[in-house]
Amino acid sequence: MTCWAVTGSTMVPREMQFHTVLSDFQGKDCLIAAGTGSGKTLPIALCILLDNPVTNSVTLTISPLKRLQVTQESDFNSRFQIPIVTINEDTPRNMDWWNVSKPI
């Protein structure tokens, strides 16, 4: 239901995505090895949305490709309404950027 509501009634998790979210929700570790475009971003977003923000205020996701970072930042911010920032070697190193770009 969370997925359906957050995506404007456009997405329903597939079996792999559902099992991933359930594993995380039950406190189990989960590793997903899947190809590009197979739907790994949705479980990450759902796990963040289902986390208790009091105990889990920060989630770190490592994306090895800059293009993937840009796509995930766009998806998280617009599709899932999860404020994120992308940090890599292109991130400005001055405090002005950090003060403006930090998630709420």
PDB file of N, CA and C in Angstrom:
ATOM      1  N   MET A   1       0.823  -1.187   0.000  1.00  0.00           N
ATOM      2  CA  MET A   1       0.000   0.000   0.000  1.00  0.00           C
ATOM      3  C   MET A   1       0.873   1.260   0.000  1.00  0.00           C
ATOM      4  N   THR A   2       1.963   1.229   0.728  1.00  0.00           N
ATOM      5  CA  THR A   2       2.860   2.385   0.751  1.00  0.00           C
ATOM      6  C   THR A   2       3.364   2.692  -0.652  1.00  0.00           C
ATOM      7  N   CYS A   3       3.773   1.676  -1.360  1.00  0.00           N
ATOM      8  CA  CYS A   3       4.275   1.840  -2.719  1.00  0.00           C
ATOM      9  C   CYS A   3       3.193   2.428  -3.618  1.00  0.00           C
ATOM     10  N   TRP A   4       2.011   1.876  -3.559  1.00  0.00           N
ATOM     11  CA  TRP A   4       0.876   2.326  -4.368  1.00  0.00           C
ATOM     12  C   TRP A   4       0.568   3.798  -4.075  1.00  0.00           C
ATOM     13  N   ALA A   5       0.564   4.162  -2.803  1.00  0.00           N
ATOM     14  CA  ALA A   5       0.226   5.531  -2.413  1.00  0.00           C
ATOM     15  C   ALA A   5       1.313   6.532  -2.815  1.00  0.00           C
ATOM     16  N   VAL A   6       2.568   6.197  -2.544  1.00  0.00           N
ATOM     17  CA  VAL A   6       3.664   7.123  -2.808  1.00  0.00           C
ATOM     18  C   VAL A   6       3.885   7.346  -4.299  1.00  0.00           C
ATOM     19  N   THR A   7       3.640   6.346  -5.113  1.00  0.00           N
ATOM     20  CA  THR A   7       3.883   6.470  -6.555  1.00  0.00           C
ATOM     21  C   THR A   7       2.647   6.913  -7.323  1.00  0.00           C
ATOM     22  N   GLY A   8       1.638   7.394  -6.633  1.00  0.00           N
ATOM     23  CA  GLY A   8       0.437   7.874  -7.320  1.00  0.00           C
ATOM     24  C   GLY A   8      -0.324   6.763  -8.017  1.00  0.00           C
ATOM     25  N   SER A   9      -0.398   5.613  -7.378  1.00  0.00           N
ATOM     26  CA  SER A   9      -1.112   4.446  -7.904  1.00  0.00           C
ATOM     27  C   SER A   9      -0.516   3.921  -9.210  1.00  0.00           C
ATOM     28  N   THR A  10       0.811   4.040  -9.361  1.00  0.00           N
ATOM     29  CA  THR A  10       1.433   3.587 -10.602  1.00  0.00           C
ATOM     30  C   THR A  10       2.360   2.388 -10.437  1.00  0.00           C
ATOM     31  N   MET A  11       2.787   2.082  -9.195  1.00  0.00           N
ATOM     32  CA  MET A  11       3.739   0.988  -9.014  1.00  0.00           C
ATOM     33  C   MET A  11       3.280   0.024  -7.932  1.00  0.00           C
ATOM     34  N   VAL A  12       3.492  -1.248  -8.211  1.00  0.00           N
ATOM     35  CA  VAL A  12       3.259  -2.318  -7.237  1.00  0.00           C
ATOM     36  C   VAL A  12       4.533  -3.161  -7.243  1.00  0.00           C
ATOM     37  N   PRO A  13       5.072  -3.482  -6.067  1.00  0.00           N
ATOM     38  CA  PRO A  13       6.331  -4.242  -6.035  1.00  0.00           C
ATOM     39  C   PRO A  13       6.192  -5.618  -6.686  1.00  0.00           C
ATOM     40  N   ARG A  14       7.243  -5.999  -7.404  1.00  0.00           N
ATOM     41  CA  ARG A  14       7.325  -7.362  -7.933  1.00  0.00           C
ATOM     42  C   ARG A  14       7.785  -8.283  -6.809  1.00  0.00           C
ATOM     43  N   GLU A  15       7.793  -9.582  -7.054  1.00  0.00           N
ATOM     44  CA  GLU A  15       8.099 -10.559  -6.002  1.00  0.00           C
ATOM     45  C   GLU A  15       9.462 -10.306  -5.363  1.00  0.00           C
ATOM     46  N   MET A  16      10.497 -10.096  -6.166  1.00  0.00           N
ATOM     47  CA  MET A  16      11.844  -9.857  -5.631  1.00  0.00           C
ATOM     48  C   MET A  16      11.849  -8.611  -4.760  1.00  0.00           C
ATOM     49  N   GLN A  17      11.187  -7.567  -5.206  1.00  0.00           N
ATOM     50  CA  GLN A  17      11.136  -6.313  -4.457  1.00  0.00           C
ATOM     51  C   GLN A  17      10.383  -6.498  -3.143  1.00  0.00           C
ATOM     52  N   PHE A  18       9.281  -7.215  -3.195  1.00  0.00           N
ATOM     53  CA  PHE A  18       8.465  -7.462  -2.000  1.00  0.00           C
ATOM     54  C   PHE A  18       9.253  -8.262  -0.960  1.00  0.00           C
ATOM     55  N   HIS A  19       9.947  -9.322  -1.404  1.00  0.00           N
ATOM     56  CA  HIS A  19      10.746 -10.141  -0.479  1.00  0.00           C
ATOM     57  C   HIS A  19      11.887  -9.327   0.140  1.00  0.00           C
ATOM     58  N   THR A  20      12.475  -8.445  -0.641  1.00  0.00           N
ATOM     59  CA  THR A  20      13.548  -7.595  -0.136  1.00  0.00           C
ATOM     60  C   THR A  20      13.039  -6.686   0.978  1.00  0.00           C
ATOM     61  N   VAL A  21      11.903  -6.039   0.737  1.00  0.00           N
ATOM     62  CA  VAL A  21      11.335  -5.128   1.734  1.00  0.00           C
ATOM     63  C   VAL A  21      10.930  -5.895   2.994  1.00  0.00           C
ATOM     64  N   LEU A  22      10.325  -7.073   2.821  1.00  0.00           N
ATOM     65  CA  LEU A  22       9.941  -7.885   3.982  1.00  0.00           C
ATOM     66  C   LEU A  22      11.157  -8.302   4.803  1.00  0.00           C
ATOM     67  N   SER A  23      12.236  -8.688   4.124  1.00  0.00           N
ATOM     68  CA  SER A  23      13.463  -9.075   4.834  1.00  0.00           C
ATOM     69  C   SER A  23      13.986  -7.919   5.667  1.00  0.00           C
ATOM     70  N   ASP A  24      14.039  -6.745   5.080  1.00  0.00           N
ATOM     71  CA  ASP A  24      14.515  -5.564   5.809  1.00  0.00           C
ATOM     72  C   ASP A  24      13.594  -5.245   6.979  1.00  0.00           C
ATOM     73  N   PHE A  25      12.303  -5.286   6.748  1.00  0.00           N
ATOM     74  CA  PHE A  25      11.317  -4.965   7.783  1.00  0.00           C
ATOM     75  C   PHE A  25      11.426  -5.933   8.971  1.00  0.00           C
ATOM     76  N   GLN A  26      11.816  -7.182   8.684  1.00  0.00           N
ATOM     77  CA  GLN A  26      11.967  -8.182   9.737  1.00  0.00           C
ATOM     78  C   GLN A  26      13.369  -8.164  10.357  1.00  0.00           C
ATOM     79  N   GLY A  27      14.194  -7.191   9.954  1.00  0.00           N
ATOM     80  CA  GLY A  27      15.528  -7.050  10.526  1.00  0.00           C
ATOM     81  C   GLY A  27      16.552  -8.013   9.954  1.00  0.00           C
ATOM     82  N   LYS A  28      16.259  -8.626   8.819  1.00  0.00           N
ATOM     83  CA  LYS A  28      17.190  -9.557   8.186  1.00  0.00           C
ATOM     84  C   LYS A  28      18.045  -8.832   7.157  1.00  0.00           C
ATOM     85  N   ASP A  29      19.233  -9.363   6.922  1.00  0.00           N
ATOM     86  CA  ASP A  29      20.088  -8.837   5.871  1.00  0.00           C
ATOM     87  C   ASP A  29      19.589  -9.350   4.528  1.00  0.00           C
ATOM     88  N   CYS A  30      19.820  -8.550   3.495  1.00  0.00           N
ATOM     89  CA  CYS A  30      19.376  -8.951   2.168  1.00  0.00           C
ATOM     90  C   CYS A  30      20.360  -8.410   1.133  1.00  0.00           C
ATOM     91  N   LEU A  31      20.753  -9.249   0.210  1.00  0.00           N
ATOM     92  CA  LEU A  31      21.646  -8.847  -0.876  1.00  0.00           C
ATOM     93  C   LEU A  31      20.920  -9.093  -2.190  1.00  0.00           C
ATOM     94  N   ILE A  32      20.876  -8.063  -3.021  1.00  0.00           N
ATOM     95  CA  ILE A  32      20.236  -8.192  -4.332  1.00  0.00           C
ATOM     96  C   ILE A  32      21.319  -8.090  -5.390  1.00  0.00           C
ATOM     97  N   ALA A  33      21.437  -9.108  -6.208  1.00  0.00           N
ATOM     98  CA  ALA A  33      22.340  -9.086  -7.356  1.00  0.00           C
ATOM     99  C   ALA A  33      21.464  -9.180  -8.593  1.00  0.00           C
ATOM    100  N   ALA A  34      21.280  -8.057  -9.255  1.00  0.00           N
ATOM    101  CA  ALA A  34      20.382  -8.015 -10.407  1.00  0.00           C
ATOM    102  C   ALA A  34      20.887  -6.973 -11.396  1.00  0.00           C
ATOM    103  N   GLY A  35      20.515  -7.149 -12.624  1.00  0.00           N
ATOM    104  CA  GLY A  35      20.972  -6.274 -13.696  1.00  0.00           C
ATOM    105  C   GLY A  35      20.335  -4.900 -13.683  1.00  0.00           C
ATOM    106  N   THR A  36      20.865  -4.038 -14.533  1.00  0.00           N
ATOM    107  CA  THR A  36      20.349  -2.685 -14.689  1.00  0.00           C
ATOM    108  C   THR A  36      18.891  -2.731 -15.137  1.00  0.00           C
ATOM    109  N   GLY A  37      18.074  -1.916 -14.494  1.00  0.00           N
ATOM    110  CA  GLY A  37      16.667  -1.832 -14.870  1.00  0.00           C
ATOM    111  C   GLY A  37      15.796  -2.924 -14.289  1.00  0.00           C
ATOM    112  N   SER A  38      16.340  -3.702 -13.353  1.00  0.00           N
ATOM    113  CA  SER A  38      15.570  -4.821 -12.802  1.00  0.00           C
ATOM    114  C   SER A  38      14.722  -4.432 -11.593  1.00  0.00           C
ATOM    115  N   GLY A  39      14.859  -3.195 -11.102  1.00  0.00           N
ATOM    116  CA  GLY A  39      14.004  -2.739 -10.022  1.00  0.00           C
ATOM    117  C   GLY A  39      14.621  -2.744  -8.641  1.00  0.00           C
ATOM    118  N   LYS A  40      15.911  -2.444  -8.536  1.00  0.00           N
ATOM    119  CA  LYS A  40      16.555  -2.423  -7.221  1.00  0.00           C
ATOM    120  C   LYS A  40      16.267  -1.133  -6.453  1.00  0.00           C
ATOM    121  N   THR A  41      15.956  -0.054  -7.135  1.00  0.00           N
ATOM    122  CA  THR A  41      15.724   1.230  -6.472  1.00  0.00           C
ATOM    123  C   THR A  41      14.441   1.222  -5.651  1.00  0.00           C
ATOM    124  N   LEU A  42      13.393   0.611  -6.143  1.00  0.00           N
ATOM    125  CA  LEU A  42      12.110   0.603  -5.432  1.00  0.00           C
ATOM    126  C   LEU A  42      12.221  -0.006  -4.037  1.00  0.00           C
ATOM    127  N   PRO A  43      12.854  -1.169  -3.841  1.00  0.00           N
ATOM    128  CA  PRO A  43      12.977  -1.693  -2.475  1.00  0.00           C
ATOM    129  C   PRO A  43      13.751  -0.759  -1.551  1.00  0.00           C
ATOM    130  N   ILE A  44      14.760  -0.078  -2.075  1.00  0.00           N
ATOM    131  CA  ILE A  44      15.511   0.869  -1.243  1.00  0.00           C
ATOM    132  C   ILE A  44      14.573   1.968  -0.762  1.00  0.00           C
ATOM    133  N   ALA A  45      13.802   2.517  -1.681  1.00  0.00           N
ATOM    134  CA  ALA A  45      12.870   3.596  -1.337  1.00  0.00           C
ATOM    135  C   ALA A  45      11.824   3.117  -0.334  1.00  0.00           C
ATOM    136  N   LEU A  46      11.271   1.943  -0.558  1.00  0.00           N
ATOM    137  CA  LEU A  46      10.243   1.432   0.355  1.00  0.00           C
ATOM    138  C   LEU A  46      10.811   1.159   1.743  1.00  0.00           C
ATOM    139  N   CYS A  47      12.030   0.643   1.809  1.00  0.00           N
ATOM    140  CA  CYS A  47      12.654   0.399   3.120  1.00  0.00           C
ATOM    141  C   CYS A  47      12.857   1.717   3.865  1.00  0.00           C
ATOM    142  N   ILE A  48      13.255   2.754   3.151  1.00  0.00           N
ATOM    143  CA  ILE A  48      13.421   4.066   3.783  1.00  0.00           C
ATOM    144  C   ILE A  48      12.078   4.584   4.281  1.00  0.00           C
ATOM    145  N   LEU A  49      11.046   4.465   3.458  1.00  0.00           N
ATOM    146  CA  LEU A  49       9.722   4.962   3.833  1.00  0.00           C
ATOM    147  C   LEU A  49       9.129   4.209   5.023  1.00  0.00           C
ATOM    148  N   LEU A  50       9.475   2.929   5.162  1.00  0.00           N
ATOM    149  CA  LEU A  50       8.930   2.121   6.254  1.00  0.00           C
ATOM    150  C   LEU A  50       9.776   2.196   7.528  1.00  0.00           C
ATOM    151  N   ASP A  51      10.994   2.738   7.413  1.00  0.00           N
ATOM    152  CA  ASP A  51      11.852   2.881   8.594  1.00  0.00           C
ATOM    153  C   ASP A  51      11.281   3.907   9.566  1.00  0.00           C
ATOM    154  N   ASN A  52      11.594   3.705  10.824  1.00  0.00           N
ATOM    155  CA  ASN A  52      11.229   4.676  11.852  1.00  0.00           C
ATOM    156  C   ASN A  52      12.252   5.809  11.791  1.00  0.00           C
ATOM    157  N   PRO A  53      11.844   7.034  11.429  1.00  0.00           N
ATOM    158  CA  PRO A  53      12.817   8.121  11.283  1.00  0.00           C
ATOM    159  C   PRO A  53      13.508   8.509  12.586  1.00  0.00           C
ATOM    160  N   VAL A  54      12.954   8.134  13.719  1.00  0.00           N
ATOM    161  CA  VAL A  54      13.591   8.437  15.002  1.00  0.00           C
ATOM    162  C   VAL A  54      14.844   7.586  15.186  1.00  0.00           C
ATOM    163  N   THR A  55      14.770   6.319  14.779  1.00  0.00           N
ATOM    164  CA  THR A  55      15.912   5.418  14.959  1.00  0.00           C
ATOM    165  C   THR A  55      16.768   5.283  13.704  1.00  0.00           C
ATOM    166  N   ASN A  56      16.228   5.619  12.544  1.00  0.00           N
ATOM    167  CA  ASN A  56      16.950   5.494  11.275  1.00  0.00           C
ATOM    168  C   ASN A  56      16.822   6.781  10.479  1.00  0.00           C
ATOM    169  N   SER A  57      17.546   7.813  10.897  1.00  0.00           N
ATOM    170  CA  SER A  57      17.401   9.108  10.255  1.00  0.00           C
ATOM    171  C   SER A  57      18.256   9.265   9.003  1.00  0.00           C
ATOM    172  N   VAL A  58      19.242   8.386   8.816  1.00  0.00           N
ATOM    173  CA  VAL A  58      20.117   8.466   7.651  1.00  0.00           C
ATOM    174  C   VAL A  58      20.225   7.083   7.011  1.00  0.00           C
ATOM    175  N   THR A  59      20.115   7.049   5.706  1.00  0.00           N
ATOM    176  CA  THR A  59      20.336   5.824   4.947  1.00  0.00           C
ATOM    177  C   THR A  59      21.429   6.112   3.934  1.00  0.00           C
ATOM    178  N   LEU A  60      22.411   5.247   3.851  1.00  0.00           N
ATOM    179  CA  LEU A  60      23.509   5.409   2.909  1.00  0.00           C
ATOM    180  C   LEU A  60      23.349   4.369   1.812  1.00  0.00           C
ATOM    181  N   THR A  61      23.278   4.840   0.577  1.00  0.00           N
ATOM    182  CA  THR A  61      23.202   3.952  -0.577  1.00  0.00           C
ATOM    183  C   THR A  61      24.414   4.227  -1.443  1.00  0.00           C
ATOM    184  N   ILE A  62      25.133   3.193  -1.804  1.00  0.00           N
ATOM    185  CA  ILE A  62      26.333   3.351  -2.617  1.00  0.00           C
ATOM    186  C   ILE A  62      25.999   2.945  -4.044  1.00  0.00           C
ATOM    187  N   SER A  63      26.177   3.892  -4.949  1.00  0.00           N
ATOM    188  CA  SER A  63      25.948   3.653  -6.374  1.00  0.00           C
ATOM    189  C   SER A  63      27.264   3.872  -7.105  1.00  0.00           C
ATOM    190  N   PRO A  64      27.750   2.867  -7.829  1.00  0.00           N
ATOM    191  CA  PRO A  64      29.079   2.969  -8.428  1.00  0.00           C
ATOM    192  C   PRO A  64      29.156   3.845  -9.681  1.00  0.00           C
ATOM    193  N   LEU A  65      28.025   4.209 -10.249  1.00  0.00           N
ATOM    194  CA  LEU A  65      28.036   4.977 -11.491  1.00  0.00           C
ATOM    195  C   LEU A  65      27.372   6.335 -11.298  1.00  0.00           C
ATOM    196  N   LYS A  66      28.014   7.388 -11.799  1.00  0.00           N
ATOM    197  CA  LYS A  66      27.458   8.732 -11.624  1.00  0.00           C
ATOM    198  C   LYS A  66      26.086   8.871 -12.289  1.00  0.00           C
ATOM    199  N   ARG A  67      25.901   8.276 -13.441  1.00  0.00           N
ATOM    200  CA  ARG A  67      24.608   8.372 -14.126  1.00  0.00           C
ATOM    201  C   ARG A  67      23.519   7.718 -13.274  1.00  0.00           C
ATOM    202  N   LEU A  68      23.829   6.603 -12.642  1.00  0.00           N
ATOM    203  CA  LEU A  68      22.886   5.943 -11.743  1.00  0.00           C
ATOM    204  C   LEU A  68      22.593   6.827 -10.533  1.00  0.00           C
ATOM    205  N   GLN A  69      23.597   7.511 -10.018  1.00  0.00           N
ATOM    206  CA  GLN A  69      23.397   8.428  -8.899  1.00  0.00           C
ATOM    207  C   GLN A  69      22.404   9.524  -9.273  1.00  0.00           C
ATOM    208  N   VAL A  70      22.552  10.085 -10.465  1.00  0.00           N
ATOM    209  CA  VAL A  70      21.657  11.150 -10.921  1.00  0.00           C
ATOM    210  C   VAL A  70      20.235  10.631 -11.058  1.00  0.00           C
ATOM    211  N   THR A  71      20.084   9.443 -11.638  1.00  0.00           N
ATOM    212  CA  THR A  71      18.757   8.844 -11.809  1.00  0.00           C
ATOM    213  C   THR A  71      18.107   8.555 -10.467  1.00  0.00           C
ATOM    214  N   GLN A  72      18.876   7.972  -9.540  1.00  0.00           N
ATOM    215  CA  GLN A  72      18.315   7.663  -8.227  1.00  0.00           C
ATOM    216  C   GLN A  72      17.966   8.927  -7.458  1.00  0.00           C
ATOM    217  N   GLU A  73      18.795   9.956  -7.550  1.00  0.00           N
ATOM    218  CA  GLU A  73      18.471  11.206  -6.876  1.00  0.00           C
ATOM    219  C   GLU A  73      17.159  11.773  -7.396  1.00  0.00           C
ATOM    220  N   SER A  74      16.971  11.729  -8.693  1.00  0.00           N
ATOM    221  CA  SER A  74      15.730  12.223  -9.289  1.00  0.00           C
ATOM    222  C   SER A  74      14.535  11.394  -8.828  1.00  0.00           C
ATOM    223  N   ASP A  75      14.667  10.069  -8.870  1.00  0.00           N
ATOM    224  CA  ASP A  75      13.570   9.181  -8.452  1.00  0.00           C
ATOM    225  C   ASP A  75      13.207   9.386  -6.980  1.00  0.00           C
ATOM    226  N   PHE A  76      14.211   9.420  -6.127  1.00  0.00           N
ATOM    227  CA  PHE A  76      13.940   9.557  -4.696  1.00  0.00           C
ATOM    228  C   PHE A  76      13.273  10.893  -4.391  1.00  0.00           C
ATOM    229  N   ASN A  77      13.786  11.966  -4.974  1.00  0.00           N
ATOM    230  CA  ASN A  77      13.238  13.289  -4.689  1.00  0.00           C
ATOM    231  C   ASN A  77      11.855  13.500  -5.286  1.00  0.00           C
ATOM    232  N   SER A  78      11.637  13.091  -6.530  1.00  0.00           N
ATOM    233  CA  SER A  78      10.363  13.396  -7.182  1.00  0.00           C
ATOM    234  C   SER A  78       9.342  12.266  -7.071  1.00  0.00           C
ATOM    235  N   ARG A  79       9.722  11.064  -7.394  1.00  0.00           N
ATOM    236  CA  ARG A  79       8.765   9.956  -7.400  1.00  0.00           C
ATOM    237  C   ARG A  79       8.379   9.491  -6.002  1.00  0.00           C
ATOM    238  N   PHE A  80       9.372   9.406  -5.095  1.00  0.00           N
ATOM    239  CA  PHE A  80       9.119   8.850  -3.762  1.00  0.00           C
ATOM    240  C   PHE A  80       9.060   9.909  -2.656  1.00  0.00           C
ATOM    241  N   GLN A  81       9.304  11.167  -2.996  1.00  0.00           N
ATOM    242  CA  GLN A  81       9.289  12.269  -2.028  1.00  0.00           C
ATOM    243  C   GLN A  81      10.241  12.033  -0.856  1.00  0.00           C
ATOM    244  N   ILE A  82      11.411  11.474  -1.155  1.00  0.00           N
ATOM    245  CA  ILE A  82      12.452  11.238  -0.150  1.00  0.00           C
ATOM    246  C   ILE A  82      13.594  12.195  -0.463  1.00  0.00           C
ATOM    247  N   PRO A  83      13.849  13.157   0.428  1.00  0.00           N
ATOM    248  CA  PRO A  83      14.927  14.117   0.156  1.00  0.00           C
ATOM    249  C   PRO A  83      16.297  13.452   0.281  1.00  0.00           C
ATOM    250  N   ILE A  84      17.099  13.566  -0.784  1.00  0.00           N
ATOM    251  CA  ILE A  84      18.452  12.994  -0.761  1.00  0.00           C
ATOM    252  C   ILE A  84      19.427  13.957  -1.422  1.00  0.00           C
ATOM    253  N   VAL A  85      20.684  13.711  -1.209  1.00  0.00           N
ATOM    254  CA  VAL A  85      21.753  14.388  -1.925  1.00  0.00           C
ATOM    255  C   VAL A  85      22.716  13.330  -2.456  1.00  0.00           C
ATOM    256  N   THR A  86      23.347  13.643  -3.566  1.00  0.00           N
ATOM    257  CA  THR A  86      24.358  12.773  -4.150  1.00  0.00           C
ATOM    258  C   THR A  86      25.719  13.345  -3.799  1.00  0.00           C
ATOM    259  N   ILE A  87      26.576  12.500  -3.271  1.00  0.00           N
ATOM    260  CA  ILE A  87      27.912  12.939  -2.882  1.00  0.00           C
ATOM    261  C   ILE A  87      28.935  12.085  -3.626  1.00  0.00           C
ATOM    262  N   ASN A  88      29.798  12.751  -4.383  1.00  0.00           N
ATOM    263  CA  ASN A  88      30.895  12.079  -5.079  1.00  0.00           C
ATOM    264  C   ASN A  88      32.029  13.087  -5.242  1.00  0.00           C
ATOM    265  N   GLU A  89      33.021  12.782  -6.074  1.00  0.00           N
ATOM    266  CA  GLU A  89      34.165  13.693  -6.177  1.00  0.00           C
ATOM    267  C   GLU A  89      33.807  15.035  -6.813  1.00  0.00           C
ATOM    268  N   ASP A  90      32.616  15.133  -7.440  1.00  0.00           N
ATOM    269  CA  ASP A  90      32.177  16.398  -8.023  1.00  0.00           C
ATOM    270  C   ASP A  90      31.440  17.289  -7.024  1.00  0.00           C
ATOM    271  N   THR A  91      31.160  16.780  -5.838  1.00  0.00           N
ATOM    272  CA  THR A  91      30.454  17.550  -4.820  1.00  0.00           C
ATOM    273  C   THR A  91      31.335  18.709  -4.349  1.00  0.00           C
ATOM    274  N   PRO A  92      30.766  19.920  -4.323  1.00  0.00           N
ATOM    275  CA  PRO A  92      31.562  21.057  -3.835  1.00  0.00           C
ATOM    276  C   PRO A  92      32.064  20.815  -2.411  1.00  0.00           C
ATOM    277  N   ARG A  93      33.222  21.317  -2.123  1.00  0.00           N
ATOM    278  CA  ARG A  93      33.838  21.092  -0.819  1.00  0.00           C
ATOM    279  C   ARG A  93      33.680  22.286   0.127  1.00  0.00           C
ATOM    280  N   ASN A  94      32.815  23.238  -0.230  1.00  0.00           N
ATOM    281  CA  ASN A  94      32.630  24.386   0.658  1.00  0.00           C
ATOM    282  C   ASN A  94      31.360  24.219   1.490  1.00  0.00           C
ATOM    283  N   MET A  95      31.326  24.889   2.608  1.00  0.00           N
ATOM    284  CA  MET A  95      30.206  24.745   3.551  1.00  0.00           C
ATOM    285  C   MET A  95      28.901  25.316   3.002  1.00  0.00           C
ATOM    286  N   ASP A  96      28.963  26.260   2.072  1.00  0.00           N
ATOM    287  CA  ASP A  96      27.740  26.828   1.498  1.00  0.00           C
ATOM    288  C   ASP A  96      26.881  25.735   0.870  1.00  0.00           C
ATOM    289  N   TRP A  97      27.497  24.833   0.112  1.00  0.00           N
ATOM    290  CA  TRP A  97      26.749  23.747  -0.527  1.00  0.00           C
ATOM    291  C   TRP A  97      26.102  22.853   0.523  1.00  0.00           C
ATOM    292  N   TRP A  98      26.843  22.499   1.544  1.00  0.00           N
ATOM    293  CA  TRP A  98      26.326  21.602   2.578  1.00  0.00           C
ATOM    294  C   TRP A  98      25.173  22.251   3.330  1.00  0.00           C
ATOM    295  N   ASN A  99      25.234  23.530   3.600  1.00  0.00           N
ATOM    296  CA  ASN A  99      24.150  24.216   4.302  1.00  0.00           C
ATOM    297  C   ASN A  99      22.878  24.293   3.473  1.00  0.00           C
ATOM    298  N   VAL A 100      23.008  24.434   2.158  1.00  0.00           N
ATOM    299  CA  VAL A 100      21.828  24.540   1.280  1.00  0.00           C
ATOM    300  C   VAL A 100      21.319  23.171   0.883  1.00  0.00           C
ATOM    301  N   SER A 101      22.187  22.194   0.702  1.00  0.00           N
ATOM    302  CA  SER A 101      21.813  20.911   0.122  1.00  0.00           C
ATOM    303  C   SER A 101      21.443  19.833   1.117  1.00  0.00           C
ATOM    304  N   LYS A 102      21.633  20.056   2.393  1.00  0.00           N
ATOM    305  CA  LYS A 102      21.340  18.986   3.355  1.00  0.00           C
ATOM    306  C   LYS A 102      19.847  18.666   3.370  1.00  0.00           C
ATOM    307  N   PRO A 103      19.507  17.360   3.393  1.00  0.00           N
ATOM    308  CA  PRO A 103      18.091  16.969   3.454  1.00  0.00           C
ATOM    309  C   PRO A 103      17.447  17.438   4.750  1.00  0.00           C
ATOM    310  N   ILE A 104      16.169  17.626   4.685  1.00  0.00           N
ATOM    311  CA  ILE A 104      15.402  18.073   5.852  1.00  0.00           C
ATOM    312  C   ILE A 104      15.231  16.933   6.837  1.00  0.00           C
TER     313      ILE A 104
END
